[in-house]
Protein backbone atom coordinates (compact mmCIF):
# COMPACT_ATOMS: atom_id res chain seq x y z
CA UNK A 1 -20.75 -16.14 -1.01
CA UNK A 2 -17.48 -14.38 -0.21
CA UNK A 3 -17.51 -12.04 2.77
CA UNK A 4 -18.56 -8.57 1.66
CA UNK A 5 -16.00 -5.80 2.09
CA UNK A 6 -16.25 -2.06 1.49
CA UNK A 7 -13.04 -2.51 -0.57
CA UNK A 8 -11.73 -6.06 -1.04
CA UNK A 9 -8.00 -5.63 -1.49
CA UNK A 10 -7.45 -9.36 -0.87
CA UNK A 11 -9.62 -10.23 -3.90
CA UNK A 12 -7.75 -7.73 -5.94
CA UNK A 13 -4.39 -9.15 -4.88
CA UNK A 14 -5.51 -12.63 -5.76
CA UNK A 15 -5.97 -11.41 -9.37
CA UNK A 16 -2.81 -9.34 -9.86
CA UNK A 17 -0.67 -10.84 -7.15
CA UNK A 18 1.95 -12.46 -9.39
CA UNK A 19 2.76 -9.14 -11.02
CA UNK A 20 2.84 -7.35 -7.69
CA UNK A 21 5.19 -10.03 -6.31
CA UNK A 22 7.61 -9.59 -9.17
CA UNK A 23 7.57 -5.79 -8.80
CA UNK A 24 8.32 -5.98 -5.09
CA UNK A 25 11.01 -8.65 -5.51
CA UNK A 26 12.72 -6.48 -8.08
CA UNK A 27 13.01 -3.62 -5.63
CA UNK A 28 14.23 -5.95 -2.88
CA UNK A 29 16.94 -7.29 -5.13
CA UNK A 30 18.00 -3.81 -6.18
CA UNK A 31 17.94 -2.45 -2.59
CA UNK A 32 17.10 0.92 -4.09
CA UNK A 33 14.48 1.59 -1.43
CA UNK A 34 14.60 5.42 -1.59
CA UNK A 35 14.40 7.26 -4.95
CA UNK A 36 14.88 4.02 -6.86
CA UNK A 37 14.20 3.83 -10.63
CA UNK A 38 10.56 2.82 -10.14
CA UNK A 39 9.71 6.18 -8.58
CA UNK A 40 10.76 8.16 -11.66
CA UNK A 41 9.19 5.59 -13.96
CA UNK A 42 5.90 5.73 -12.09
CA UNK A 43 5.88 9.51 -12.26
CA UNK A 44 6.45 9.36 -16.04
CA UNK A 45 3.77 6.76 -16.55
CA UNK A 46 1.24 8.67 -14.39
CA UNK A 47 2.09 11.87 -16.29
CA UNK A 48 1.14 10.16 -19.54
CA UNK A 49 -2.06 8.70 -18.08
CA UNK A 50 -3.12 12.04 -16.55
CA UNK A 51 -2.15 14.08 -19.58
CA UNK A 52 -0.15 16.47 -17.33
CA UNK A 53 3.30 17.90 -17.68
CA UNK A 54 4.64 17.13 -14.22
CA UNK A 55 3.85 14.54 -11.53
CA UNK A 56 5.78 14.99 -8.25
CA UNK A 57 5.40 11.97 -5.95
CA UNK A 58 5.43 12.32 -2.13
CA UNK A 59 4.82 10.33 1.07
CA UNK A 60 1.03 10.65 1.30
CA UNK A 61 -2.03 12.64 0.28
CA UNK A 62 -1.96 14.96 3.27
CA UNK A 63 1.68 15.83 2.49
CA UNK A 64 0.63 16.55 -1.09
CA UNK A 65 -1.84 19.16 0.13
CA UNK A 66 0.73 20.55 2.55
CA UNK A 67 3.35 20.90 -0.17
CA UNK A 68 0.84 22.52 -2.53
CA UNK A 69 -0.04 25.10 0.11
CA UNK A 70 3.67 25.88 0.74
CA UNK A 71 4.37 26.76 -2.89
CA UNK A 72 2.34 29.93 -3.64
CA UNK A 73 3.90 31.98 -0.82
CA UNK A 74 0.75 32.32 1.27
CA UNK A 75 1.25 34.26 4.51
CA UNK A 76 -0.43 33.77 7.95
CA UNK A 77 -3.81 35.27 7.88
CA UNK A 78 -4.38 34.76 4.10
CA UNK A 79 -7.78 33.20 3.54
CA UNK A 80 -8.28 29.79 1.94
CA UNK A 81 -11.75 28.68 0.92
CA UNK A 82 -12.69 25.01 0.94
CA UNK A 83 -15.66 22.77 1.68
CA UNK A 84 -17.07 21.78 5.03
CA UNK A 85 -17.97 18.33 3.65
CA UNK A 86 -14.59 16.58 3.23
CA UNK A 87 -11.97 14.50 5.05
CA UNK A 88 -10.03 16.49 7.63
CA UNK A 89 -6.73 16.51 5.60
CA UNK A 90 -8.16 19.20 3.35
CA UNK A 91 -8.52 21.63 6.19
CA UNK A 92 -5.77 20.63 8.66
CA UNK A 93 -2.98 21.67 6.29
CA UNK A 94 -4.51 25.18 6.08
CA UNK A 95 -4.48 25.44 9.85
CA UNK A 96 -0.96 23.97 10.16
CA UNK A 97 0.41 26.72 7.98
CA UNK A 98 -1.26 29.47 9.92
CA UNK A 99 -3.59 30.39 7.13
CA UNK A 100 -7.18 31.44 7.78
CA UNK A 101 -9.59 28.58 7.01
CA UNK A 102 -12.86 29.67 5.34
CA UNK A 103 -15.29 26.80 4.94
CA UNK A 104 -18.49 26.78 2.82
CA UNK A 105 -21.35 24.41 2.21
CA UNK A 106 -21.34 21.83 -0.59
CA UNK A 107 -24.02 21.36 -3.22
CA UNK A 108 -26.62 19.01 -1.71
CA UNK A 109 -26.85 16.90 -4.94
CA UNK A 110 -23.25 16.38 -6.07
CA UNK A 111 -21.73 16.66 -2.52
CA UNK A 112 -19.03 18.89 -4.05
CA UNK A 113 -18.24 22.44 -3.10
CA UNK A 114 -20.89 24.99 -4.05
CA UNK A 115 -19.61 27.53 -6.55
CA UNK A 116 -22.20 30.04 -5.34
CA UNK A 117 -20.98 29.56 -1.74
CA UNK A 118 -17.41 30.12 -2.86
CA UNK A 119 -18.41 33.30 -4.70
CA UNK A 120 -20.13 34.68 -1.55
CA UNK A 121 -17.09 33.83 0.67
CA UNK A 122 -14.46 35.68 -1.38
CA UNK A 123 -13.03 38.75 0.38
CA UNK A 124 -9.99 40.96 -0.34
CA UNK A 125 -7.96 38.60 1.95
CA UNK A 126 -8.84 35.46 -0.10
CA UNK A 127 -5.79 33.97 -1.72
CA UNK A 128 -6.72 30.35 -2.64
CA UNK A 129 -9.59 27.91 -3.28
CA UNK A 130 -9.32 24.19 -2.59
CA UNK A 131 -12.09 22.32 -4.35
CA UNK A 132 -12.48 18.64 -3.37
CA UNK A 133 -13.61 16.06 -5.95
CA UNK A 134 -15.58 14.06 -3.51
CA UNK A 135 -16.42 10.34 -3.85
CA UNK A 136 -15.06 10.18 -7.45
CA UNK A 137 -16.79 13.06 -9.27
CA UNK A 138 -15.38 16.44 -10.19
CA UNK A 139 -16.40 19.77 -8.68
CA UNK A 140 -17.50 22.47 -11.12
CA UNK A 141 -13.92 23.42 -12.11
CA UNK A 142 -14.58 25.71 -15.03
CA UNK A 143 -16.73 27.95 -12.84
CA UNK A 144 -14.19 27.81 -10.04
CA UNK A 145 -11.34 28.71 -12.44
CA UNK A 146 -13.36 31.65 -13.74
CA UNK A 147 -13.72 32.95 -10.21
CA UNK A 148 -10.07 32.38 -9.55
CA UNK A 149 -9.07 34.33 -12.62
CA UNK A 150 -11.40 37.14 -11.82
CA UNK A 151 -10.02 37.52 -8.24
CA UNK A 152 -6.41 36.36 -8.91
CA UNK A 153 -6.68 33.28 -6.70
CA UNK A 154 -4.59 30.10 -6.53
CA UNK A 155 -6.44 26.86 -7.06
CA UNK A 156 -5.38 23.55 -5.48
CA UNK A 157 -7.48 20.58 -6.41
CA UNK A 158 -7.92 17.86 -3.82
CA UNK A 159 -8.31 14.95 -6.25
CA UNK A 160 -7.56 12.13 -3.81
CA UNK A 161 -10.94 10.45 -4.39
CA UNK A 162 -11.09 10.98 -8.16
CA UNK A 163 -8.00 9.48 -9.81
CA UNK A 164 -9.04 8.73 -13.32
CA UNK A 165 -12.23 10.85 -13.43
CA UNK A 166 -12.69 12.98 -16.52
CA UNK A 167 -13.76 16.60 -16.41
CA UNK A 168 -15.77 17.52 -19.51
CA UNK A 169 -15.01 21.02 -20.68
CA UNK A 170 -17.64 23.26 -22.30
CA UNK A 171 -16.02 22.68 -25.69
CA UNK A 172 -16.54 18.91 -25.31
CA UNK A 173 -12.95 17.94 -24.64
CA UNK A 174 -11.97 16.12 -21.48
CA UNK A 175 -9.26 16.66 -18.94
CA UNK A 176 -8.32 14.53 -15.90
CA UNK A 177 -9.44 15.51 -12.36
CA UNK A 178 -6.49 17.16 -10.68
CA UNK A 179 -4.96 18.70 -13.80
CA UNK A 180 -7.25 21.80 -14.12
CA UNK A 181 -6.12 24.03 -11.21
CA UNK A 182 -2.70 25.42 -10.66
CA UNK A 183 -1.77 22.28 -8.60
CA UNK A 184 -3.63 19.01 -8.14
CA UNK A 185 -3.09 16.60 -5.27
CA UNK A 186 -3.82 12.94 -4.72
CA UNK A 187 -3.48 10.07 -2.31
CA UNK A 188 -2.50 6.49 -2.93
CA UNK A 189 -3.93 5.22 0.34
CA UNK A 190 -4.67 1.47 -0.15
CA UNK A 191 -8.49 1.91 -0.45
CA UNK A 192 -8.24 4.57 -3.20
CA UNK A 193 -9.07 3.69 -6.78
CA UNK A 194 -5.32 3.73 -7.44
CA UNK A 195 -3.87 2.66 -4.11
CA UNK A 196 -0.52 1.29 -2.98
CA UNK A 197 0.16 -1.11 -0.03
CA UNK A 198 0.99 1.62 2.41
CA UNK A 199 0.98 5.43 2.21
CA UNK A 200 1.75 7.44 -0.90
CA UNK A 201 0.76 10.65 -2.65
CA UNK A 202 1.47 12.86 -5.63
CA UNK A 203 0.98 16.38 -7.04
CA UNK A 204 0.13 17.41 -10.59
CA UNK A 205 0.98 20.64 -12.39
CA UNK A 206 1.57 21.93 -15.88
CA UNK A 207 3.71 24.80 -14.56
CA UNK A 208 7.48 24.20 -14.78
CA UNK A 209 8.32 26.62 -11.99
CA UNK A 210 5.71 25.19 -9.65
CA UNK A 211 7.01 21.63 -10.36
CA UNK A 212 10.61 22.67 -9.62
CA UNK A 213 9.57 24.34 -6.33
CA UNK A 214 7.47 21.27 -5.33
CA UNK A 215 10.35 18.86 -5.89
CA UNK A 216 12.66 21.09 -3.87
CA UNK A 217 10.31 21.52 -0.90
CA UNK A 218 9.55 17.76 -0.82
CA UNK A 219 13.30 17.10 -0.66
CA UNK A 220 14.35 19.23 2.34
CA UNK A 221 14.30 22.37 0.16
CA UNK A 222 17.18 21.05 -1.92
CA UNK A 223 17.61 20.95 -5.66
CA UNK A 224 21.25 20.04 -5.46
CA UNK A 225 22.50 17.80 -2.60
CA UNK A 226 23.49 19.76 0.50
CA UNK A 227 22.43 23.06 -1.05
CA UNK A 228 19.11 24.35 0.37
CA UNK A 229 17.24 27.00 -1.54
CA UNK A 230 13.90 26.54 0.22
CA UNK A 231 12.62 25.61 3.64
CA UNK A 232 11.38 22.09 2.96
CA UNK A 233 10.22 18.80 4.39
CA UNK A 234 11.07 15.17 3.82
CA UNK A 235 8.22 13.62 1.80
CA UNK A 236 9.13 10.78 -0.52
CA UNK A 237 7.24 7.95 -2.18
CA UNK A 238 8.98 4.67 -1.30
CA UNK A 239 10.36 2.69 -4.24
CA UNK A 240 8.38 -0.40 -3.24
CA UNK A 241 5.13 1.57 -3.31
CA UNK A 242 6.07 3.09 -6.62
CA UNK A 243 6.68 -0.41 -8.10
CA UNK A 244 3.27 -1.59 -6.83
CA UNK A 245 1.57 1.56 -8.24
CA UNK A 246 3.17 0.97 -11.66
CA UNK A 247 1.43 -2.44 -11.78
CA UNK A 248 -1.87 -1.12 -10.57
CA UNK A 249 -1.86 1.88 -12.89
CA UNK A 250 -2.10 -0.54 -15.86
CA UNK A 251 -5.42 -1.74 -14.42
CA UNK A 252 -6.89 1.63 -13.29
CA UNK A 253 -9.21 2.16 -16.24
CA UNK A 254 -10.47 -1.41 -15.95
CA UNK A 255 -10.96 -0.99 -12.16
CA UNK A 256 -12.89 2.28 -12.62
CA UNK A 257 -15.14 0.75 -15.27
CA UNK A 258 -15.96 -2.15 -12.89
CA UNK A 259 -16.91 0.31 -10.17
CA UNK A 260 -19.20 2.18 -12.60
CA UNK A 261 -20.87 -1.12 -13.54
CA UNK A 262 -21.72 -1.82 -9.88
CA UNK A 263 -22.94 1.77 -9.44
CA UNK A 264 -25.25 1.41 -12.47
CA UNK A 265 -26.83 -1.66 -10.88
CA UNK A 266 -27.36 0.17 -7.62
CA UNK A 267 -28.84 3.12 -9.49
CA UNK A 268 -31.32 0.93 -11.39
CA UNK A 269 -32.31 -1.06 -8.26
CA UNK A 270 -32.96 1.96 -6.05
CA UNK A 271 -34.57 4.20 -8.68
CA UNK A 272 -38.10 3.31 -7.47
CA UNK A 273 -37.28 3.49 -3.73
CA UNK A 274 -38.55 6.89 -2.55
CA UNK A 275 -36.64 6.55 0.78
CA UNK A 276 -33.29 6.73 -0.95
CA UNK A 277 -31.62 9.32 -3.19
CA UNK A 278 -28.96 7.81 -5.45
CA UNK A 279 -25.75 9.75 -6.18
CA UNK A 280 -26.29 12.64 -8.58
CA UNK A 281 -24.27 12.50 -11.76
CA UNK A 282 -23.32 15.91 -13.07
CA UNK A 283 -23.03 16.68 -16.77
CA UNK A 284 -19.50 18.00 -16.62
CA UNK A 285 -17.77 15.05 -15.03
CA UNK A 286 -17.54 11.31 -15.26
CA UNK A 287 -17.92 9.45 -11.92
CA UNK A 288 -15.41 6.79 -10.92
CA UNK A 289 -17.23 5.93 -7.66
CA UNK A 290 -14.53 5.90 -5.05
CA UNK A 291 -17.64 5.74 -2.93
CA UNK A 292 -21.24 4.97 -3.81
CA UNK A 293 -22.99 7.30 -1.38
CA UNK A 294 -26.78 7.37 -1.03
CA UNK A 295 -28.93 9.78 1.01
CA UNK A 296 -31.34 8.10 3.33
CA UNK A 297 -34.49 10.05 4.05
CA UNK A 298 -36.84 10.39 7.06
CA UNK A 299 -34.07 9.86 9.65
CA UNK A 300 -33.64 6.21 8.79
CA UNK A 301 -29.88 6.26 7.97
CA UNK A 302 -28.52 4.92 11.27
CA UNK A 303 -31.31 2.27 11.43
CA UNK A 304 -30.50 1.05 7.89
CA UNK A 305 -26.81 0.95 8.67
CA UNK A 306 -27.44 -1.20 11.78
CA UNK A 307 -29.76 -3.48 9.78
CA UNK A 308 -27.19 -4.00 7.01
CA UNK A 309 -24.53 -4.79 9.63
CA UNK A 310 -26.83 -7.45 11.06
CA UNK A 311 -26.84 -8.96 7.57
CA UNK A 312 -23.01 -8.85 7.37
CA UNK A 313 -23.14 -5.97 4.92
CA UNK A 314 -20.67 -3.18 5.82
CA UNK A 315 -21.72 0.44 5.24
CA UNK A 316 -19.87 3.62 6.19
CA UNK A 317 -20.79 7.23 6.93
CA UNK A 318 -18.56 9.70 5.17
CA UNK A 319 -18.74 12.09 7.04
CA UNK A 320 -20.57 11.84 10.37
CA UNK A 321 -19.89 15.38 11.66
CA UNK A 322 -19.36 18.87 10.16
CA UNK A 323 -15.78 20.01 10.36
CA UNK A 324 -16.76 23.35 11.91
CA UNK A 325 -18.19 21.42 14.89
CA UNK A 326 -14.96 19.52 15.57
CA UNK A 327 -13.11 20.70 18.68
CA UNK A 328 -9.91 21.29 16.75
CA UNK A 329 -11.68 23.93 14.68
CA UNK A 330 -13.86 25.53 17.27
CA UNK A 331 -11.72 28.64 17.13
CA UNK A 332 -13.02 29.45 13.65
CA UNK A 333 -16.05 31.08 15.19
CA UNK A 334 -18.75 29.32 13.26
CA UNK A 335 -22.06 28.48 14.86
CA UNK A 336 -23.72 25.05 14.78
CA UNK A 337 -26.38 26.11 12.29
CA UNK A 338 -24.13 28.07 9.88
CA UNK A 339 -23.88 25.20 7.36
CA UNK A 340 -27.38 23.68 6.88
CA UNK A 341 -26.43 21.63 3.81
CA UNK A 342 -23.48 19.95 5.51
CA UNK A 343 -25.52 19.34 8.68
CA UNK A 344 -28.26 17.59 6.64
CA UNK A 345 -25.78 15.49 4.64
CA UNK A 346 -24.02 14.31 7.83
CA UNK A 347 -27.34 12.88 9.00
CA UNK A 348 -28.32 11.31 5.64
CA UNK A 349 -25.31 9.92 3.78
CA UNK A 350 -24.39 6.28 3.70
CA UNK A 351 -21.74 4.67 1.51
CA UNK A 352 -22.33 1.13 0.27
CA UNK A 353 -19.69 -1.47 -0.67
CA UNK A 354 -18.18 -0.78 -4.05
CA UNK A 355 -14.96 -2.06 -5.59
CA UNK A 356 -13.75 -3.67 -8.84
CA UNK A 357 -13.98 -7.24 -7.51
CA UNK A 358 -17.58 -7.40 -6.39
CA UNK A 359 -19.39 -10.59 -7.30
CA UNK A 360 -22.91 -10.50 -8.69
CA UNK A 361 -24.14 -12.57 -5.82
CA UNK A 362 -22.82 -9.90 -3.39
CA UNK A 363 -24.45 -7.03 -5.30
CA UNK A 364 -27.77 -8.87 -5.46
CA UNK A 365 -27.62 -9.61 -1.73
CA UNK A 366 -26.92 -5.94 -0.83
CA UNK A 367 -29.74 -4.70 -3.06
CA UNK A 368 -32.21 -7.29 -1.79
CA UNK A 369 -31.61 -6.39 1.87
CA UNK A 370 -31.80 -2.60 1.36
CA UNK A 371 -35.08 -2.92 -0.51
CA UNK A 372 -36.32 -5.42 2.18
CA UNK A 373 -35.55 -2.88 4.91
CA UNK A 374 -37.75 -0.19 3.34
CA UNK A 375 -40.53 -2.69 2.58
CA UNK A 376 -41.00 -3.68 6.23
């Protein structure tokens, strides 16, 4: 049996390597390493896939969030609401821009931001909401957009873990994660469902003015060379990474379907195990399983993780500590017990290996050992 990985990028490369090699070689031969043709072509192809008017590529997913926060003209002290259960990128950009970070608990089932918690956190100083589509499934965007409209708030979707997920609107039509709010952001970190071979990111919007502003800010504040209309940064997607992403975008739907097939097997295997809660699947979103995250009951999470590691099965805790308890955010003034849902999840969640290239023997071995652990 092949060594089990959380994400097996080597196995993926073995399958699509010839196409990747051709794409990289083409860029090397052109020497157009910055703003080469593949960057524009990738943006156009991703626009078509996402069904969105504009895709603005950038250097990484954190930059995408940073750029999105710079566009609406937020001022120091303006409040931005987001979830306590997310990777630090979501909150650090708020702090970097001098905005007031307001964090709320997620829903304990879906892991995504609680709409009720957002509603209760809105004040006259609230200017934006940043919902995170965690682990591959959308937050309740229609409800969030209703709140945003009512209170005149800007919505930035952190869709880094949900590229390709479909949000199912109340009228039955679907729309891609990241294209519902005013701006959506994503990351092309190698382990993402659509990942490059380094860092990369992008922003989505259907608003022409926002797209124009984003492109300017990402390019030193310049729309025309050596003319600076905005205070900007330097955040570009390298041409080599764009070329790699163009190849991998063609496989994204297939990759996501393969992930779902693995998740279905996990769901079925663990359905009768009362010590595990399988990931909740909400009615308003598909799930593309960037992570397959279970909840382990009765304080057994760390013991299970250690047992799996002894069997050469990797497992990861996303996320081991609430953001409000991190030293960097101690100035927010929250108390340890202010977020009971987040605190409980940090003690229970465990993500299992899941990727498009898992072999049946690997899946069976993982399931067998988890069930064996709880039978002892």
